[in-house]
Amino acid sequence: MPEHAYAEDCYTGTHQSEDVRSWKDIGSPVRDVWGRERDLASNIVAHLQLEWQENPYELGSLTERFREQAEKWDRETAHMSSPLQRMIHPSYQAIIGMSAGSQEQKRDVIRLMLLDLRQKRRDWFLALSYLTEANPIPKKDYGRVDRMIDAWLRWGAKRNLI
């Protein structure tokens, strides 16, 4: 099996050898697959985190920036079938970068992702797992988008995020 197939199987839940329960579990194969893209994405995130920490108010409200980047990400990656290609898009990385600075900002970004997941049904699964270090999706529901969304929304409701 090619490396990218393993990473995408982990993402979709079709990898059968073990239960992937957190970002830490899938992070290593995903990072291995990304190669140069990972380095580029890391540089983008680091730059955006630094920019956000230095100029949080000059860059517009967090909600406005989130919506703008989410729309751009959705528009520019709608034609892509690879989840990994969608995740390395600069707008997706920018949104993750918005969580830097404070625990409150991180909580706000997670809340915005959950609200967007509920309203627009956009795929924030990997970003949520990365930011929360959790994965509330039961193994039997991997790859079933409606159930994956429901699991994250229940998780967010239990923590008063939505």
Protein backbone atom coordinates (compact mmCIF):
# COMPACT_ATOMS: atom_id res chain seq x y z
CA MET A 1 0.00 0.00 0.00
CA PRO A 2 1.45 3.41 -0.92
CA GLU A 3 2.12 5.75 1.99
CA HIS A 4 -0.54 8.25 0.91
CA ALA A 5 -3.18 5.51 0.84
CA TYR A 6 -2.38 4.65 4.47
CA ALA A 7 -2.70 8.28 5.54
CA GLU A 8 -5.98 8.75 3.69
CA ASP A 9 -7.27 5.45 5.10
CA CYS A 10 -6.50 6.75 8.59
CA TYR A 11 -8.37 9.92 7.76
CA THR A 12 -11.43 8.16 6.37
CA GLY A 13 -11.36 5.40 8.93
CA THR A 14 -10.87 2.56 6.47
CA HIS A 15 -7.45 1.58 7.81
CA GLN A 16 -8.17 -1.70 9.61
CA SER A 17 -5.04 -2.54 11.61
CA GLU A 18 -5.77 -0.36 14.65
CA ASP A 19 -8.21 2.09 16.15
CA VAL A 20 -7.11 5.62 15.28
CA ARG A 21 -8.39 7.68 18.19
CA SER A 22 -6.42 10.92 18.22
CA TRP A 23 -4.38 13.31 16.10
CA LYS A 24 -1.25 11.96 17.79
CA ASP A 25 -2.11 8.50 16.39
CA ILE A 26 -2.55 9.71 12.82
CA GLY A 27 -0.13 12.61 12.92
CA SER A 28 2.98 10.61 12.17
CA PRO A 29 1.80 8.89 8.97
CA VAL A 30 0.17 12.09 7.77
CA ARG A 31 3.32 14.10 8.45
CA ASP A 32 5.39 11.43 6.66
CA VAL A 33 3.18 11.70 3.59
CA TRP A 34 3.18 15.47 3.47
CA GLY A 35 6.95 15.72 3.05
CA ARG A 36 7.73 19.09 1.50
CA GLU A 37 4.09 20.15 1.75
CA ARG A 38 4.32 19.62 5.52
CA ASP A 39 7.30 21.93 5.76
CA LEU A 40 5.53 24.55 3.68
CA ALA A 41 2.36 24.21 5.76
CA SER A 42 4.37 24.46 9.00
CA ASN A 43 6.04 27.63 7.78
CA ILE A 44 2.67 29.12 6.81
CA VAL A 45 1.14 28.26 10.18
CA ALA A 46 4.16 29.61 12.09
CA HIS A 47 4.04 32.86 10.11
CA LEU A 48 0.30 33.28 10.62
CA GLN A 49 0.51 32.48 14.32
CA LEU A 50 3.22 35.10 14.76
CA GLU A 51 1.26 37.62 12.67
CA TRP A 52 -1.92 36.99 14.67
CA GLN A 53 -0.12 37.30 18.00
CA GLU A 54 1.49 40.60 16.98
CA ASN A 55 -1.54 42.21 15.28
CA PRO A 56 -4.76 40.50 16.41
CA TYR A 57 -6.96 43.57 16.06
CA GLU A 58 -5.50 44.86 12.83
CA LEU A 59 -6.47 41.66 11.08
CA GLY A 60 -10.22 41.95 11.72
CA SER A 61 -12.35 40.03 14.13
CA LEU A 62 -11.67 36.35 14.57
CA THR A 63 -15.14 35.45 13.32
CA GLU A 64 -14.74 37.57 10.19
CA ARG A 65 -11.30 36.14 9.45
CA PHE A 66 -12.55 32.60 10.06
CA ARG A 67 -15.50 33.03 7.69
CA GLU A 68 -13.35 34.64 5.02
CA GLN A 69 -10.70 31.91 5.15
CA ALA A 70 -13.27 29.10 5.40
CA GLU A 71 -15.12 30.36 2.32
CA LYS A 72 -11.87 30.74 0.41
CA TRP A 73 -10.73 27.26 1.46
CA ASP A 74 -14.05 25.72 0.46
CA ARG A 75 -14.14 27.55 -2.89
CA GLU A 76 -10.53 26.75 -3.83
CA THR A 77 -10.52 23.09 -2.75
CA ALA A 78 -14.03 21.94 -3.70
CA HIS A 79 -12.64 20.15 -6.76
CA MET A 80 -10.02 18.20 -4.76
CA SER A 81 -10.70 14.59 -3.85
CA SER A 82 -7.69 14.13 -1.55
CA PRO A 83 -8.34 15.16 2.06
CA LEU A 84 -4.61 15.69 2.51
CA GLN A 85 -4.47 18.18 -0.36
CA ARG A 86 -7.42 20.05 1.14
CA MET A 87 -5.75 20.17 4.56
CA ILE A 88 -2.52 21.74 3.33
CA HIS A 89 -4.33 24.62 1.65
CA PRO A 90 -3.09 27.95 3.07
CA SER A 91 -6.59 29.00 4.22
CA TYR A 92 -7.06 25.80 6.23
CA GLN A 93 -3.64 26.31 7.78
CA ALA A 94 -4.46 29.98 8.44
CA ILE A 95 -7.53 28.96 10.40
CA ILE A 96 -5.49 26.57 12.52
CA GLY A 97 -2.99 29.39 13.01
CA MET A 98 -5.75 31.60 14.41
CA SER A 99 -5.81 29.38 17.49
CA ALA A 100 -2.37 30.63 18.60
CA GLY A 101 -1.96 33.24 21.24
CA SER A 102 -4.20 32.18 24.08
CA GLN A 103 -6.41 29.37 25.28
CA GLU A 104 -9.40 31.65 24.75
CA GLN A 105 -8.52 32.13 21.07
CA LYS A 106 -8.03 28.39 20.66
CA ARG A 107 -11.43 27.76 22.25
CA ASP A 108 -13.01 30.37 19.96
CA VAL A 109 -11.52 28.77 16.84
CA ILE A 110 -12.75 25.34 17.95
CA ARG A 111 -16.21 26.82 18.58
CA LEU A 112 -16.23 28.44 15.13
CA MET A 113 -15.23 25.14 13.51
CA LEU A 114 -18.01 23.30 15.32
CA LEU A 115 -20.59 25.92 14.34
CA ASP A 116 -19.39 25.78 10.73
CA LEU A 117 -19.48 22.01 10.84
CA ARG A 118 -23.12 22.18 11.97
CA GLN A 119 -24.19 24.90 9.51
CA LYS A 120 -22.07 24.33 6.40
CA ARG A 121 -20.96 20.73 7.04
CA ARG A 122 -17.39 21.57 6.07
CA ASP A 123 -14.73 19.04 6.94
CA TRP A 124 -12.91 20.22 10.08
CA PHE A 125 -12.25 16.71 11.45
CA LEU A 126 -8.46 16.74 11.32
CA ALA A 127 -8.18 20.34 12.52
CA LEU A 128 -10.53 19.63 15.42
CA SER A 129 -8.59 16.50 16.35
CA TYR A 130 -5.34 18.45 16.17
CA LEU A 131 -6.54 21.40 18.26
CA THR A 132 -8.45 19.38 20.86
CA GLU A 133 -6.19 16.31 20.92
CA ALA A 134 -9.41 14.29 20.89
CA ASN A 135 -11.42 12.18 18.50
CA PRO A 136 -14.98 11.50 19.64
CA ILE A 137 -15.83 9.51 16.50
CA PRO A 138 -16.51 5.82 17.22
CA LYS A 139 -14.52 3.49 15.00
CA LYS A 140 -17.71 2.09 13.47
CA ASP A 141 -18.58 5.58 12.19
CA TYR A 142 -15.29 6.36 10.41
CA GLY A 143 -16.01 7.49 6.87
CA ARG A 144 -19.70 8.18 7.61
CA VAL A 145 -19.73 11.96 7.40
CA ASP A 146 -23.14 12.54 9.00
CA ARG A 147 -22.20 10.42 12.01
CA MET A 148 -18.77 11.99 12.23
CA ILE A 149 -20.36 15.43 12.33
CA ASP A 150 -22.87 14.31 14.96
CA ALA A 151 -20.07 12.92 17.13
CA TRP A 152 -18.16 16.21 17.04
CA LEU A 153 -21.30 18.25 17.69
CA ARG A 154 -22.14 16.10 20.73
CA TRP A 155 -18.55 16.52 21.92
CA GLY A 156 -18.81 20.31 21.54
CA ALA A 157 -22.20 20.49 23.26
CA LYS A 158 -20.87 18.55 26.27
CA ARG A 159 -18.14 21.16 26.61
CA ASN A 160 -20.52 24.13 26.14
CA LEU A 161 -18.79 25.17 22.93
CA ILE A 162 -22.00 25.19 20.88
